[in-house]
Amino acid sequence: MPLKLHFYFYVTTCIALILHRCDSPSSLRGHSLLRLCMHQRECGGIIVETDKSKAVIMKRNIGSLIGFTMGATDGEIGKVKDFYFDDHTWTIRYLIVDTGGWLSGRKVLISPQSLLNTDWENKVFPVNLTKEQVENSPDIDTDQPVSRQQEIELNQYYPWTFWGDGFGPGSLWGGGIGTTGMMMGTLTPFGGIPYGDENDQEPKKVEGDPQLRSCDQVKGYTISATDGAIGDVEDFIVDDNNWKIDFIEVDTGNWLPGKKVLISPSWIKDIDWPTSSVAVNASIDQVKNSPEYNPDQPLTEEYQSHLHQHYGGVV
């Protein structure tokens, strides 16, 4: 086992022991291992404080993950340039990786299913793939909309399983991100996708996938309340355990100078993709009076509870 993995297991075990022995998160603040966790905020982590009965949850700003190195089992693949998410489940489906000079600037799609334990400090996403596997993968033009047909080809090539609402049995992901990648299921990939007859090895041609969206392209979309515009999409916050987008970070600079707020995808009423606008089921005053979000502070459970309570009666 690589030295980094040994170190990772050591650190995570120590953190688990500390959380088990301490009465409250506040008693951990002076501990060196907590300081190690707090350092991860510089690497794109937003630490969620928990009590002793709960695991430490990490949430990440998508923007802070751009430029991370994607590492195969035998060398570097390239740099993360963007993320594709499913606008139905609001889950990251692919990382877009620029291979640079290695494959003449070709961009490839890598599913979070392939991720191993992320090296947050050195900003590296290790994956359970070889460079040869990536080189020989289906060549997809990421500057064009990715069709469902192309996704089928990817999932036939790689050992990935996709079921429309996520990866893995019973949840969005098979078993979370672990040391050997995400657990693979045994169900038929792409349930409901039309194939030919039983003797036909090639799937029928299908239309493009309108649910697959680029995080980078959606940044800047206008957020509209029920009575007018209130801000722009600035970033996305994902749970690094299941890669589900928990919140959209909204910059209200032109409307409420200096204030940032968070909107849950579940509070979105409609998205007009042609006009680049997102409608939320709340008024300008309701958004204006929502708890302010500070990217430099931990995203605590208390904050999230207040946020949900604030919008609870209107969305």
Protein backbone atom coordinates (compact mmCIF):
# COMPACT_ATOMS: atom_id res chain seq x y z
CA MET A 1 0.00 0.00 0.00
CA PRO A 2 1.40 3.46 -0.89
CA LEU A 3 2.78 5.54 1.95
CA LYS A 4 0.15 8.27 1.42
CA LEU A 5 -2.66 5.76 1.95
CA HIS A 6 -1.05 4.56 5.18
CA PHE A 7 -0.86 8.16 6.34
CA TYR A 8 -4.49 8.77 5.33
CA PHE A 9 -5.74 5.77 7.31
CA TYR A 10 -3.69 6.91 10.32
CA VAL A 11 -5.09 10.44 10.26
CA THR A 12 -8.72 9.40 9.71
CA THR A 13 -8.49 6.82 12.51
CA CYS A 14 -7.07 9.41 14.90
CA ILE A 15 -9.81 11.90 14.02
CA ALA A 16 -12.46 9.23 14.63
CA LEU A 17 -10.99 8.47 18.04
CA ILE A 18 -10.89 12.14 18.97
CA LEU A 19 -14.48 12.71 17.90
CA HIS A 20 -15.53 9.70 19.94
CA ARG A 21 -13.82 10.88 23.12
CA CYS A 22 -14.73 14.57 23.08
CA ASP A 23 -17.98 15.90 24.47
CA SER A 24 -18.42 18.66 21.89
CA PRO A 25 -16.80 20.09 18.77
CA SER A 26 -15.61 23.09 20.77
CA SER A 27 -13.34 20.86 22.85
CA LEU A 28 -11.52 19.88 19.67
CA ARG A 29 -10.54 23.35 18.55
CA GLY A 30 -7.09 23.26 20.09
CA HIS A 31 -6.20 19.81 18.89
CA SER A 32 -3.51 19.46 16.25
CA LEU A 33 -5.60 17.07 14.18
CA LEU A 34 -8.44 19.56 14.10
CA ARG A 35 -5.99 22.15 12.86
CA LEU A 36 -5.09 19.67 10.13
CA CYS A 37 -8.77 19.49 9.16
CA MET A 38 -9.13 23.26 9.28
CA HIS A 39 -6.21 23.54 6.88
CA GLN A 40 -8.29 21.68 4.32
CA ARG A 41 -10.43 24.79 3.94
CA GLU A 42 -7.52 26.20 1.95
CA CYS A 43 -7.82 23.22 -0.37
CA GLY A 44 -11.48 23.76 -1.13
CA GLY A 45 -12.98 22.29 2.02
CA ILE A 46 -15.82 23.82 4.01
CA ILE A 47 -15.86 21.98 7.30
CA VAL A 48 -19.21 21.13 8.81
CA GLU A 49 -19.06 21.00 12.58
CA THR A 50 -20.64 17.91 14.11
CA ASP A 51 -21.27 16.44 17.50
CA LYS A 52 -19.59 13.29 18.79
CA SER A 53 -22.32 11.03 17.38
CA LYS A 54 -21.77 12.18 13.80
CA ALA A 55 -18.99 11.93 11.28
CA VAL A 56 -17.13 14.97 10.03
CA ILE A 57 -18.68 16.00 6.72
CA MET A 58 -16.75 17.96 4.14
CA LYS A 59 -18.34 20.22 1.59
CA ARG A 60 -16.37 21.72 -1.28
CA ASN A 61 -16.67 24.72 -3.53
CA ILE A 62 -16.55 23.45 -7.10
CA GLY A 63 -14.48 26.47 -8.14
CA SER A 64 -11.74 25.54 -5.68
CA LEU A 65 -11.37 22.11 -7.32
CA ILE A 66 -10.53 23.48 -10.75
CA GLY A 67 -6.86 22.78 -11.49
CA PHE A 68 -6.64 19.68 -9.32
CA THR A 69 -4.34 17.02 -10.79
CA MET A 70 -5.95 13.77 -11.94
CA GLY A 71 -3.58 10.93 -11.18
CA ALA A 72 -3.78 7.47 -12.77
CA THR A 73 -2.22 4.45 -11.10
CA ASP A 74 0.86 4.93 -13.30
CA GLY A 75 1.18 8.69 -13.71
CA GLU A 76 -0.56 12.01 -14.22
CA ILE A 77 -3.55 12.22 -16.53
CA GLY A 78 -4.08 15.98 -16.55
CA LYS A 79 -5.83 18.85 -14.77
CA VAL A 80 -9.50 19.21 -13.83
CA LYS A 81 -11.08 21.96 -15.95
CA ASP A 82 -14.80 21.61 -15.28
CA PHE A 83 -17.56 19.38 -13.93
CA TYR A 84 -20.71 18.04 -15.55
CA PHE A 85 -23.74 17.69 -13.29
CA ASP A 86 -27.14 16.11 -13.80
CA ASP A 87 -29.74 18.87 -13.52
CA HIS A 88 -32.35 16.32 -12.42
CA THR A 89 -30.50 14.83 -9.45
CA TRP A 90 -28.05 17.75 -9.02
CA THR A 91 -25.19 15.30 -8.77
CA ILE A 92 -21.75 15.57 -10.34
CA ARG A 93 -21.61 12.96 -13.09
CA TYR A 94 -18.20 13.66 -14.66
CA LEU A 95 -15.00 15.55 -14.06
CA ILE A 96 -13.64 17.10 -17.28
CA VAL A 97 -9.88 16.62 -17.42
CA ASP A 98 -7.52 18.43 -19.79
CA THR A 99 -4.71 16.02 -20.63
CA GLY A 100 -2.40 18.81 -21.83
CA GLY A 101 0.59 17.77 -23.91
CA TRP A 102 0.23 14.10 -23.02
CA LEU A 103 -2.74 13.58 -25.37
CA SER A 104 -2.33 16.78 -27.38
CA GLY A 105 -4.77 18.74 -25.23
CA ARG A 106 -7.56 16.20 -25.51
CA LYS A 107 -10.18 16.48 -22.77
CA VAL A 108 -11.56 13.32 -21.19
CA LEU A 109 -14.49 12.55 -18.92
CA ILE A 110 -13.86 10.74 -15.64
CA SER A 111 -16.68 9.56 -13.41
CA PRO A 112 -16.46 10.11 -9.62
CA GLN A 113 -16.85 6.32 -9.42
CA SER A 114 -13.16 6.07 -10.32
CA LEU A 115 -11.94 8.37 -7.54
CA LEU A 116 -9.82 6.96 -4.74
CA ASN A 117 -8.85 8.86 -1.58
CA THR A 118 -8.34 12.47 -2.59
CA ASP A 119 -5.10 14.16 -1.56
CA TRP A 120 -6.65 17.51 -0.62
CA GLU A 121 -3.41 19.07 0.59
CA ASN A 122 -1.57 18.45 -2.68
CA LYS A 123 -4.74 18.90 -4.74
CA VAL A 124 -4.64 15.48 -6.40
CA PHE A 125 -7.55 13.24 -7.43
CA PRO A 126 -6.14 9.69 -7.63
CA VAL A 127 -8.23 7.31 -9.75
CA ASN A 128 -8.30 3.54 -10.17
CA LEU A 129 -7.48 3.79 -13.88
CA THR A 130 -4.28 3.47 -15.91
CA LYS A 131 -3.06 6.03 -18.42
CA GLU A 132 -3.54 3.45 -21.16
CA GLN A 133 -7.20 3.02 -20.20
CA VAL A 134 -7.74 6.76 -20.41
CA GLU A 135 -5.84 7.07 -23.69
CA ASN A 136 -7.95 4.35 -25.31
CA SER A 137 -11.27 5.63 -23.94
CA PRO A 138 -13.98 6.93 -26.33
CA ASP A 139 -12.94 10.31 -27.72
CA ILE A 140 -15.69 12.77 -26.77
CA ASP A 141 -15.73 16.43 -27.77
CA THR A 142 -16.41 18.11 -24.42
CA ASP A 143 -16.94 21.44 -26.18
CA GLN A 144 -20.17 20.02 -27.58
CA PRO A 145 -23.21 18.67 -25.68
CA VAL A 146 -22.54 15.13 -24.52
CA SER A 147 -25.18 12.77 -25.87
CA ARG A 148 -26.66 9.86 -23.98
CA GLN A 149 -25.23 7.67 -26.74
CA GLN A 150 -21.72 8.84 -25.84
CA GLU A 151 -22.41 8.19 -22.17
CA ILE A 152 -23.45 4.66 -23.02
CA GLU A 153 -20.18 4.17 -24.89
CA LEU A 154 -18.23 5.46 -21.88
CA ASN A 155 -20.06 3.14 -19.51
CA GLN A 156 -19.50 0.20 -21.84
CA TYR A 157 -15.77 0.97 -21.89
CA TYR A 158 -15.21 1.76 -18.22
CA PRO A 159 -16.46 -0.36 -15.29
CA TRP A 160 -19.00 2.32 -14.35
CA THR A 161 -22.65 1.79 -13.58
CA PHE A 162 -25.21 4.52 -14.03
CA TRP A 163 -28.93 4.16 -13.28
CA GLY A 164 -30.33 7.54 -14.16
CA ASP A 165 -30.58 8.87 -10.59
CA GLY A 166 -27.06 8.11 -9.46
CA PHE A 167 -24.47 5.42 -9.02
CA GLY A 168 -24.66 2.43 -6.74
CA PRO A 169 -27.46 0.39 -5.14
CA GLY A 170 -29.97 2.13 -2.94
CA SER A 171 -28.43 5.60 -3.11
CA LEU A 172 -26.67 8.08 -5.33
CA TRP A 173 -23.38 6.26 -4.85
CA GLY A 174 -22.60 2.62 -4.29
CA GLY A 175 -20.53 2.90 -1.14
CA GLY A 176 -19.11 6.38 -1.05
CA ILE A 177 -15.63 7.30 -2.19
CA GLY A 178 -13.27 4.71 -0.79
CA THR A 179 -9.78 3.35 -1.13
CA THR A 180 -10.63 1.24 -4.15
CA GLY A 181 -13.10 3.52 -5.87
CA MET A 182 -16.85 3.37 -5.65
CA MET A 183 -18.59 0.05 -5.31
CA MET A 184 -20.01 -1.27 -8.53
CA GLY A 185 -23.48 -2.69 -8.76
CA THR A 186 -24.88 -5.56 -10.76
CA LEU A 187 -27.99 -3.92 -12.17
CA THR A 188 -28.30 -3.12 -15.84
CA PRO A 189 -26.68 0.24 -16.63
CA PHE A 190 -28.88 2.99 -18.01
CA GLY A 191 -32.22 1.53 -17.05
CA GLY A 192 -34.81 2.51 -19.62
CA ILE A 193 -32.29 3.31 -22.35
CA PRO A 194 -33.47 1.66 -25.60
CA TYR A 195 -31.35 -1.14 -27.01
CA GLY A 196 -31.83 -3.27 -30.08
CA ASP A 197 -33.02 -6.86 -29.96
CA GLU A 198 -31.31 -9.41 -27.76
CA ASN A 199 -28.82 -10.31 -30.49
CA ASP A 200 -27.93 -6.71 -31.23
CA GLN A 201 -24.74 -5.66 -29.44
CA GLU A 202 -25.05 -2.01 -30.40
CA PRO A 203 -27.47 0.31 -28.56
CA LYS A 204 -29.91 2.31 -30.63
CA LYS A 205 -29.02 5.91 -31.31
CA VAL A 206 -30.61 8.24 -28.76
CA GLU A 207 -30.92 11.97 -28.41
CA GLY A 208 -28.51 14.24 -26.55
CA ASP A 209 -28.74 14.32 -22.77
CA PRO A 210 -30.39 17.62 -21.80
CA GLN A 211 -29.82 16.87 -18.12
CA LEU A 212 -26.04 17.11 -18.36
CA ARG A 213 -24.82 20.65 -17.58
CA SER A 214 -21.43 22.30 -17.26
CA CYS A 215 -20.81 23.94 -13.87
CA ASP A 216 -18.64 26.55 -15.54
CA GLN A 217 -21.32 27.48 -18.05
CA VAL A 218 -24.05 27.78 -15.41
CA LYS A 219 -21.94 30.20 -13.35
CA GLY A 220 -23.24 33.69 -14.02
CA TYR A 221 -26.85 32.58 -14.51
CA THR A 222 -29.31 35.12 -13.09
CA ILE A 223 -31.17 34.13 -9.95
CA SER A 224 -34.73 35.46 -10.10
CA ALA A 225 -37.06 35.65 -7.12
CA THR A 226 -40.83 35.70 -7.58
CA ASP A 227 -40.73 39.51 -7.85
CA GLY A 228 -37.44 40.24 -9.58
CA ALA A 229 -33.77 39.42 -10.03
CA ILE A 230 -31.72 39.00 -6.87
CA GLY A 231 -28.25 37.77 -7.87
CA ASP A 232 -26.05 35.55 -10.01
CA VAL A 233 -24.80 31.99 -9.66
CA GLU A 234 -21.23 32.20 -8.41
CA ASP A 235 -20.37 28.64 -7.42
CA PHE A 236 -21.67 25.26 -6.29
CA ILE A 237 -21.15 23.50 -2.98
CA VAL A 238 -20.90 19.72 -3.12
CA ASP A 239 -20.69 16.98 -0.52
CA ASP A 240 -17.40 15.21 -1.22
CA ASN A 241 -18.85 11.91 0.01
CA ASN A 242 -21.54 11.56 -2.64
CA TRP A 243 -20.75 14.48 -5.01
CA LYS A 244 -24.27 15.80 -4.73
CA ILE A 245 -24.71 19.56 -5.09
CA ASP A 246 -26.16 20.71 -1.77
CA PHE A 247 -26.23 24.44 -2.42
CA ILE A 248 -25.82 27.07 -5.10
CA GLU A 249 -23.73 30.04 -3.98
CA VAL A 250 -25.39 33.29 -5.05
CA ASP A 251 -23.61 36.61 -5.36
CA THR A 252 -26.09 39.42 -4.73
CA GLY A 253 -23.47 42.10 -5.43
CA ASN A 254 -25.56 44.19 -7.84
CA TRP A 255 -28.61 43.98 -5.59
CA LEU A 256 -27.29 43.54 -2.03
CA PRO A 257 -23.64 44.70 -2.14
CA GLY A 258 -21.24 42.41 -0.35
CA LYS A 259 -23.76 39.71 0.58
CA LYS A 260 -23.66 36.10 -0.50
CA VAL A 261 -26.46 33.62 0.12
CA LEU A 262 -27.04 29.93 -0.46
CA ILE A 263 -29.94 28.40 -2.37
CA SER A 264 -30.73 24.70 -2.29
CA PRO A 265 -31.57 23.09 -5.64
CA SER A 266 -34.78 21.86 -3.99
CA TRP A 267 -35.94 25.49 -3.72
CA ILE A 268 -35.63 26.11 -7.45
CA LYS A 269 -38.93 26.50 -9.26
CA ASP A 270 -37.64 26.53 -12.81
CA ILE A 271 -34.49 26.92 -14.90
CA ASP A 272 -34.72 28.60 -18.29
CA TRP A 273 -31.59 27.32 -20.01
CA PRO A 274 -31.95 29.44 -23.20
CA THR A 275 -32.11 32.68 -21.16
CA SER A 276 -29.61 31.56 -18.50
CA SER A 277 -31.95 32.25 -15.61
CA VAL A 278 -32.88 30.36 -12.44
CA ALA A 279 -36.25 31.03 -10.78
CA VAL A 280 -36.61 30.36 -7.05
CA ASN A 281 -39.86 30.10 -5.18
CA ALA A 282 -39.12 33.00 -2.82
CA SER A 283 -39.46 36.77 -2.84
CA ILE A 284 -36.65 39.31 -2.97
CA ASP A 285 -37.22 40.13 0.70
CA GLN A 286 -37.07 36.47 1.67
CA VAL A 287 -33.73 36.04 -0.10
CA LYS A 288 -32.52 39.38 1.26
CA ASN A 289 -33.33 38.35 4.84
CA SER A 290 -31.92 34.82 4.55
CA PRO A 291 -28.85 33.91 6.62
CA GLU A 292 -25.74 35.42 5.05
CA TYR A 293 -23.14 32.99 3.75
CA ASN A 294 -19.47 33.58 4.49
CA PRO A 295 -17.17 31.37 2.37
CA ASP A 296 -14.39 31.84 4.94
CA GLN A 297 -16.43 30.34 7.78
CA PRO A 298 -17.35 26.69 8.43
CA LEU A 299 -20.70 25.67 6.98
CA THR A 300 -22.16 24.45 10.27
CA GLU A 301 -25.19 22.28 10.83
CA GLU A 302 -26.66 25.16 12.81
CA TYR A 303 -26.34 27.49 9.81
CA GLN A 304 -27.92 24.93 7.49
CA SER A 305 -30.76 24.40 9.97
CA HIS A 306 -31.43 28.14 10.14
CA LEU A 307 -31.33 28.33 6.36
CA HIS A 308 -33.86 25.54 5.93
CA GLN A 309 -36.08 27.01 8.63
CA HIS A 310 -36.00 30.40 6.93
CA TYR A 311 -37.17 28.97 3.61
CA GLY A 312 -39.28 26.23 5.14
CA GLY A 313 -42.53 28.13 4.94
CA VAL A 314 -42.08 29.43 1.42
CA VAL A 315 -40.54 26.61 -0.62
